[in-house]
Every structure is written in C-alpha cells, then in structure tokens.
Amino acid sequence: MTGDLDRIRAICMTHPRAAEKISHGIPVFFIEKGRTFAWYSENHHGSGITAVLVKTSGADEQAFLVEMDPDIFYRPPYLAPSGWIGMRLDTDATDWDQVEARIAQSWDHAATPRLREQFGR
C-alpha cells in the first residue's frame, strides 16, 4: 500500500509546518514541537488494516463517526482513549476528499491557537 502512504504524505505535507518522522516503526506527521496530527498505520500488530489515524474533538465525535460509517471509521488501539479515530484506506469506499478534510481538521486540533491564527485557520 505504498501508494496510500504516498498519498497521505502528500496531503499531510500541505499543512503549515508539517513534518514527518518514524515513531514506533510507522510514519507520523506532526507540527512544530512534536504535536502529532496524523499516523499512517499499515497492518498494525497483524490487523490487516491500512488506515490513517487522526485527532477528533473527543469521544462524542468518535462515537458519531463510528456509528455513521463503521466500515470506514474505527477506534484504533492505544490511541482511541486520547481522542483519535482510524479511517480505513483499504476499502473500495475510501473517500479521499473526506480523508483530506479529516486530516485538515486533525491539524487544526493539534495546532496551537497562535499557529492556527497565524495561518488563518
């Protein structure tokens, strides 16, 4: 699924001050001072799932997304309690416009108010 990673990387790197590093063996996208806004997950612990993990506003939004489309959204192990949601990339139903929008929202959740203001967000 290298193509999915390339596509996620391209989307993430359009955001202000975005950078990439490897953490726990997977690509992670973050803003200054290590504020993470996206993880790329491929077959994590043998799950068979390829996904991008993004921040939400919290448990209510997580529940809404999973209920709205459980074939795409799921609560990722380890990160879900901190407000993260997984978006599957390995289905025919992947909506790349929605992926791009969720990554943008995740950047907004991760950025400081000063940084959001600086970039008009």
N, C-alpha and C. Protein backbone atom coordinates (compact mmCIF):
# COMPACT_ATOMS: atom_id res chain seq x y z
N MET A 1 0.82 -1.21 0.00
CA MET A 1 0.00 0.00 0.00
C MET A 1 0.85 1.26 0.00
N THR A 2 2.02 1.18 -0.58
CA THR A 2 2.91 2.33 -0.64
C THR A 2 2.21 3.52 -1.28
N GLY A 3 1.35 3.27 -2.26
CA GLY A 3 0.61 4.36 -2.90
C GLY A 3 -0.25 5.13 -1.91
N ASP A 4 -0.87 4.41 -0.96
CA ASP A 4 -1.65 5.09 0.08
C ASP A 4 -0.76 5.96 0.94
N LEU A 5 0.40 5.45 1.33
CA LEU A 5 1.32 6.25 2.14
C LEU A 5 1.75 7.49 1.37
N ASP A 6 2.08 7.33 0.10
CA ASP A 6 2.49 8.49 -0.70
C ASP A 6 1.38 9.53 -0.76
N ARG A 7 0.16 9.06 -0.89
CA ARG A 7 -0.98 9.98 -0.96
C ARG A 7 -1.21 10.67 0.39
N ILE A 8 -1.14 9.92 1.48
CA ILE A 8 -1.28 10.51 2.83
C ILE A 8 -0.16 11.51 3.07
N ARG A 9 1.05 11.14 2.71
CA ARG A 9 2.20 12.04 2.88
C ARG A 9 1.97 13.35 2.12
N ALA A 10 1.51 13.26 0.89
CA ALA A 10 1.27 14.45 0.08
C ALA A 10 0.21 15.35 0.72
N ILE A 11 -0.85 14.74 1.24
CA ILE A 11 -1.90 15.52 1.91
C ILE A 11 -1.36 16.18 3.17
N CYS A 12 -0.68 15.42 4.00
CA CYS A 12 -0.19 15.94 5.28
C CYS A 12 0.82 17.07 5.09
N MET A 13 1.68 16.92 4.11
CA MET A 13 2.76 17.89 3.95
C MET A 13 2.29 19.22 3.36
N THR A 14 1.01 19.32 2.98
CA THR A 14 0.47 20.60 2.52
C THR A 14 0.15 21.53 3.68
N HIS A 15 0.11 20.99 4.88
CA HIS A 15 -0.28 21.79 6.04
C HIS A 15 0.93 22.54 6.62
N PRO A 16 0.66 23.74 7.15
CA PRO A 16 1.76 24.57 7.66
C PRO A 16 2.62 23.84 8.69
N ARG A 17 3.91 23.99 8.52
CA ARG A 17 4.93 23.46 9.44
C ARG A 17 4.84 21.96 9.66
N ALA A 18 4.28 21.25 8.70
CA ALA A 18 4.18 19.80 8.80
C ALA A 18 5.56 19.17 8.59
N ALA A 19 5.77 18.09 9.30
CA ALA A 19 6.99 17.30 9.16
C ALA A 19 6.63 15.84 9.37
N GLU A 20 7.52 14.97 8.99
CA GLU A 20 7.29 13.53 9.12
C GLU A 20 8.46 12.91 9.87
N LYS A 21 8.14 11.93 10.68
CA LYS A 21 9.17 11.13 11.34
C LYS A 21 8.63 9.71 11.47
N ILE A 22 9.50 8.80 11.82
CA ILE A 22 9.09 7.43 12.10
C ILE A 22 9.00 7.29 13.62
N SER A 23 7.88 6.80 14.09
CA SER A 23 7.67 6.56 15.51
C SER A 23 7.03 5.19 15.66
N HIS A 24 7.59 4.38 16.51
CA HIS A 24 7.09 3.02 16.70
C HIS A 24 7.04 2.26 15.37
N GLY A 25 7.96 2.60 14.48
CA GLY A 25 8.07 1.91 13.20
C GLY A 25 7.10 2.35 12.11
N ILE A 26 6.32 3.40 12.36
CA ILE A 26 5.37 3.87 11.34
C ILE A 26 5.51 5.37 11.12
N PRO A 27 5.13 5.85 9.92
CA PRO A 27 5.19 7.28 9.64
C PRO A 27 4.18 8.07 10.47
N VAL A 28 4.68 9.15 11.05
CA VAL A 28 3.86 10.04 11.86
C VAL A 28 4.06 11.46 11.34
N PHE A 29 2.98 12.21 11.25
CA PHE A 29 3.03 13.58 10.74
C PHE A 29 2.71 14.51 11.90
N PHE A 30 3.53 15.53 12.03
CA PHE A 30 3.40 16.40 13.19
C PHE A 30 3.69 17.84 12.82
N ILE A 31 3.36 18.72 13.77
CA ILE A 31 3.60 20.15 13.66
C ILE A 31 4.72 20.48 14.64
N GLU A 32 5.19 21.67 14.59
CA GLU A 32 6.26 22.11 15.49
C GLU A 32 6.08 21.57 16.90
N LYS A 33 7.18 21.35 17.55
CA LYS A 33 7.22 20.85 18.93
C LYS A 33 6.56 19.49 19.08
N GLY A 34 6.51 18.73 17.98
CA GLY A 34 6.05 17.35 18.07
C GLY A 34 4.57 17.14 18.23
N ARG A 35 3.74 18.11 17.92
CA ARG A 35 2.29 17.95 18.02
C ARG A 35 1.80 17.10 16.85
N THR A 36 1.48 15.85 17.13
CA THR A 36 1.09 14.90 16.10
C THR A 36 -0.32 15.17 15.59
N PHE A 37 -0.48 15.11 14.24
CA PHE A 37 -1.82 15.27 13.68
C PHE A 37 -2.24 14.10 12.80
N ALA A 38 -1.33 13.18 12.48
CA ALA A 38 -1.74 12.01 11.69
C ALA A 38 -0.71 10.89 11.84
N TRP A 39 -1.21 9.67 11.85
CA TRP A 39 -0.39 8.46 11.84
C TRP A 39 -0.81 7.65 10.62
N TYR A 40 0.15 7.02 9.96
CA TYR A 40 -0.17 6.10 8.89
C TYR A 40 0.01 4.70 9.47
N SER A 41 -1.02 3.89 9.40
CA SER A 41 -0.99 2.57 10.01
C SER A 41 -1.26 1.51 8.95
N GLU A 42 -0.33 0.58 8.82
CA GLU A 42 -0.50 -0.50 7.85
C GLU A 42 -0.25 -1.83 8.54
N ASN A 43 -1.32 -2.61 8.67
CA ASN A 43 -1.25 -3.95 9.27
C ASN A 43 -0.63 -3.92 10.68
N HIS A 44 -1.04 -2.93 11.45
CA HIS A 44 -0.52 -2.78 12.81
C HIS A 44 -0.85 -4.01 13.65
N HIS A 45 0.16 -4.63 14.20
CA HIS A 45 0.00 -5.86 15.00
C HIS A 45 -0.82 -6.91 14.27
N GLY A 46 -0.64 -7.00 12.94
CA GLY A 46 -1.33 -8.02 12.16
C GLY A 46 -2.82 -7.78 11.96
N SER A 47 -3.26 -6.54 12.09
CA SER A 47 -4.69 -6.23 11.97
C SER A 47 -5.24 -6.40 10.56
N GLY A 48 -4.36 -6.32 9.56
CA GLY A 48 -4.80 -6.39 8.18
C GLY A 48 -5.42 -5.09 7.69
N ILE A 49 -5.38 -4.04 8.49
CA ILE A 49 -6.00 -2.76 8.16
C ILE A 49 -4.93 -1.75 7.73
N THR A 50 -5.23 -1.02 6.66
CA THR A 50 -4.42 0.14 6.28
C THR A 50 -5.30 1.35 6.54
N ALA A 51 -4.75 2.31 7.30
CA ALA A 51 -5.57 3.44 7.72
C ALA A 51 -4.72 4.67 7.99
N VAL A 52 -5.38 5.80 8.07
CA VAL A 52 -4.78 7.00 8.62
C VAL A 52 -5.51 7.25 9.93
N LEU A 53 -4.74 7.59 10.96
CA LEU A 53 -5.31 7.88 12.28
C LEU A 53 -5.22 9.38 12.50
N VAL A 54 -6.35 9.98 12.87
CA VAL A 54 -6.43 11.43 13.02
C VAL A 54 -7.10 11.80 14.33
N LYS A 55 -6.83 13.03 14.79
CA LYS A 55 -7.43 13.53 16.01
C LYS A 55 -8.89 13.91 15.77
N THR A 56 -9.68 13.77 16.82
CA THR A 56 -11.06 14.24 16.80
C THR A 56 -11.22 15.23 17.94
N SER A 57 -12.40 15.78 18.07
CA SER A 57 -12.67 16.69 19.18
C SER A 57 -12.93 15.93 20.48
N GLY A 58 -13.06 14.59 20.40
CA GLY A 58 -13.26 13.81 21.61
C GLY A 58 -14.18 12.63 21.41
N ALA A 59 -14.58 12.04 22.51
CA ALA A 59 -15.35 10.79 22.50
C ALA A 59 -16.68 10.91 21.76
N ASP A 60 -17.36 12.03 21.88
CA ASP A 60 -18.64 12.18 21.19
C ASP A 60 -18.47 12.14 19.68
N GLU A 61 -17.47 12.84 19.18
CA GLU A 61 -17.22 12.83 17.74
C GLU A 61 -16.78 11.43 17.28
N GLN A 62 -15.94 10.78 18.07
CA GLN A 62 -15.53 9.40 17.75
C GLN A 62 -16.76 8.50 17.60
N ALA A 63 -17.62 8.54 18.59
CA ALA A 63 -18.81 7.69 18.58
C ALA A 63 -19.69 7.99 17.37
N PHE A 64 -19.86 9.27 17.08
CA PHE A 64 -20.67 9.67 15.93
C PHE A 64 -20.08 9.10 14.64
N LEU A 65 -18.78 9.24 14.44
CA LEU A 65 -18.14 8.78 13.20
C LEU A 65 -18.25 7.26 13.06
N VAL A 66 -18.00 6.53 14.14
CA VAL A 66 -18.07 5.07 14.08
C VAL A 66 -19.51 4.62 13.79
N GLU A 67 -20.46 5.28 14.43
CA GLU A 67 -21.87 4.94 14.20
C GLU A 67 -22.29 5.30 12.77
N MET A 68 -21.80 6.44 12.28
CA MET A 68 -22.17 6.91 10.95
C MET A 68 -21.64 5.97 9.86
N ASP A 69 -20.41 5.49 10.00
CA ASP A 69 -19.83 4.65 8.95
C ASP A 69 -18.81 3.67 9.54
N PRO A 70 -19.28 2.59 10.15
CA PRO A 70 -18.37 1.63 10.80
C PRO A 70 -17.48 0.86 9.83
N ASP A 71 -17.78 0.93 8.53
CA ASP A 71 -16.91 0.28 7.56
C ASP A 71 -15.65 1.10 7.29
N ILE A 72 -15.70 2.37 7.61
CA ILE A 72 -14.55 3.26 7.39
C ILE A 72 -13.91 3.68 8.71
N PHE A 73 -14.70 4.08 9.68
CA PHE A 73 -14.16 4.62 10.93
C PHE A 73 -14.10 3.55 12.02
N TYR A 74 -13.03 3.59 12.80
CA TYR A 74 -12.89 2.68 13.94
C TYR A 74 -12.03 3.33 15.01
N ARG A 75 -12.13 2.80 16.21
CA ARG A 75 -11.33 3.28 17.34
C ARG A 75 -10.00 2.52 17.35
N PRO A 76 -8.92 3.20 17.04
CA PRO A 76 -7.63 2.49 16.95
C PRO A 76 -7.09 2.12 18.34
N PRO A 77 -6.51 0.92 18.43
CA PRO A 77 -5.92 0.53 19.71
C PRO A 77 -4.90 1.57 20.18
N TYR A 78 -4.81 1.74 21.46
CA TYR A 78 -3.86 2.63 22.14
C TYR A 78 -4.19 4.11 22.00
N LEU A 79 -4.63 4.57 20.84
CA LEU A 79 -4.83 6.00 20.60
C LEU A 79 -6.27 6.46 20.80
N ALA A 80 -7.23 5.57 20.68
CA ALA A 80 -8.63 5.96 20.80
C ALA A 80 -8.95 6.67 22.12
N PRO A 81 -8.43 6.20 23.26
CA PRO A 81 -8.75 6.90 24.51
C PRO A 81 -8.27 8.36 24.55
N SER A 82 -7.33 8.69 23.67
CA SER A 82 -6.83 10.07 23.61
C SER A 82 -7.52 10.89 22.52
N GLY A 83 -8.61 10.37 21.97
CA GLY A 83 -9.40 11.13 21.02
C GLY A 83 -9.07 10.92 19.56
N TRP A 84 -8.41 9.83 19.23
CA TRP A 84 -8.05 9.55 17.84
C TRP A 84 -9.06 8.60 17.21
N ILE A 85 -9.20 8.72 15.88
CA ILE A 85 -10.07 7.84 15.11
C ILE A 85 -9.27 7.29 13.94
N GLY A 86 -9.56 6.05 13.57
CA GLY A 86 -8.94 5.46 12.39
C GLY A 86 -9.88 5.58 11.21
N MET A 87 -9.30 5.90 10.05
CA MET A 87 -10.06 5.93 8.79
C MET A 87 -9.42 4.91 7.87
N ARG A 88 -10.18 3.88 7.54
CA ARG A 88 -9.64 2.82 6.67
C ARG A 88 -9.39 3.35 5.26
N LEU A 89 -8.25 2.93 4.72
CA LEU A 89 -7.87 3.29 3.36
C LEU A 89 -7.93 2.09 2.43
N ASP A 90 -8.21 0.93 2.99
CA ASP A 90 -8.12 -0.33 2.25
C ASP A 90 -9.47 -0.88 1.81
N THR A 91 -10.43 0.00 1.61
CA THR A 91 -11.74 -0.42 1.15
C THR A 91 -12.08 0.32 -0.15
N ASP A 92 -13.00 -0.23 -0.89
CA ASP A 92 -13.45 0.44 -2.11
C ASP A 92 -14.20 1.73 -1.79
N ALA A 93 -14.63 1.87 -0.56
CA ALA A 93 -15.43 3.03 -0.16
C ALA A 93 -14.59 4.22 0.30
N THR A 94 -13.26 4.13 0.19
CA THR A 94 -12.41 5.24 0.64
C THR A 94 -12.75 6.50 -0.14
N ASP A 95 -13.10 7.55 0.60
CA ASP A 95 -13.42 8.85 0.02
C ASP A 95 -12.23 9.76 0.31
N TRP A 96 -11.38 9.98 -0.68
CA TRP A 96 -10.14 10.73 -0.47
C TRP A 96 -10.40 12.19 -0.14
N ASP A 97 -11.52 12.76 -0.58
CA ASP A 97 -11.86 14.12 -0.18
C ASP A 97 -12.14 14.16 1.32
N GLN A 98 -12.83 13.13 1.82
CA GLN A 98 -13.11 13.04 3.25
C GLN A 98 -11.82 12.82 4.04
N VAL A 99 -10.93 12.00 3.53
CA VAL A 99 -9.63 11.78 4.19
C VAL A 99 -8.88 13.10 4.30
N GLU A 100 -8.85 13.84 3.21
CA GLU A 100 -8.16 15.13 3.21
C GLU A 100 -8.79 16.09 4.21
N ALA A 101 -10.11 16.13 4.27
CA ALA A 101 -10.81 17.02 5.22
C ALA A 101 -10.54 16.61 6.66
N ARG A 102 -10.55 15.31 6.95
CA ARG A 102 -10.29 14.84 8.32
C ARG A 102 -8.86 15.15 8.74
N ILE A 103 -7.91 15.03 7.82
CA ILE A 103 -6.52 15.37 8.14
C ILE A 103 -6.41 16.87 8.43
N ALA A 104 -7.09 17.69 7.66
CA ALA A 104 -7.09 19.14 7.92
C ALA A 104 -7.67 19.46 9.29
N GLN A 105 -8.78 18.80 9.63
CA GLN A 105 -9.38 19.01 10.96
C GLN A 105 -8.43 18.55 12.05
N SER A 106 -7.74 17.45 11.80
CA SER A 106 -6.80 16.95 12.79
C SER A 106 -5.65 17.93 13.00
N TRP A 107 -5.17 18.53 11.90
CA TRP A 107 -4.13 19.56 12.02
C TRP A 107 -4.64 20.69 12.90
N ASP A 108 -5.88 21.11 12.66
CA ASP A 108 -6.47 22.19 13.46
C ASP A 108 -6.55 21.81 14.94
N HIS A 109 -6.89 20.56 15.24
CA HIS A 109 -6.95 20.12 16.64
C HIS A 109 -5.56 20.10 17.28
N ALA A 110 -4.54 19.79 16.50
CA ALA A 110 -3.19 19.67 17.04
C ALA A 110 -2.47 21.01 17.16
N ALA A 111 -2.80 21.96 16.31
CA ALA A 111 -2.10 23.24 16.28
C ALA A 111 -2.47 24.10 17.48
N THR A 112 -1.54 24.92 17.86
CA THR A 112 -1.81 25.89 18.93
C THR A 112 -2.72 26.99 18.37
N PRO A 113 -3.46 27.68 19.24
CA PRO A 113 -4.29 28.79 18.75
C PRO A 113 -3.45 29.83 17.99
N ARG A 114 -2.26 30.11 18.46
CA ARG A 114 -1.38 31.08 17.80
C ARG A 114 -1.05 30.63 16.39
N LEU A 115 -0.74 29.35 16.22
CA LEU A 115 -0.39 28.83 14.91
C LEU A 115 -1.60 28.83 13.97
N ARG A 116 -2.77 28.45 14.49
CA ARG A 116 -3.98 28.49 13.66
C ARG A 116 -4.25 29.92 13.19
N GLU A 117 -4.11 30.88 14.10
CA GLU A 117 -4.35 32.27 13.75
C GLU A 117 -3.32 32.74 12.72
N GLN A 118 -2.08 32.38 12.92
CA GLN A 118 -1.01 32.79 12.01
C GLN A 118 -1.27 32.32 10.57
N PHE A 119 -1.89 31.15 10.44
CA PHE A 119 -2.15 30.62 9.11
C PHE A 119 -3.62 30.73 8.71
N GLY A 120 -4.38 31.58 9.42
CA GLY A 120 -5.76 31.88 9.05
C GLY A 120 -6.70 30.70 9.13
N ARG A 121 -6.54 29.91 10.18
CA ARG A 121 -7.36 28.70 10.30
C ARG A 121 -8.24 28.75 11.52
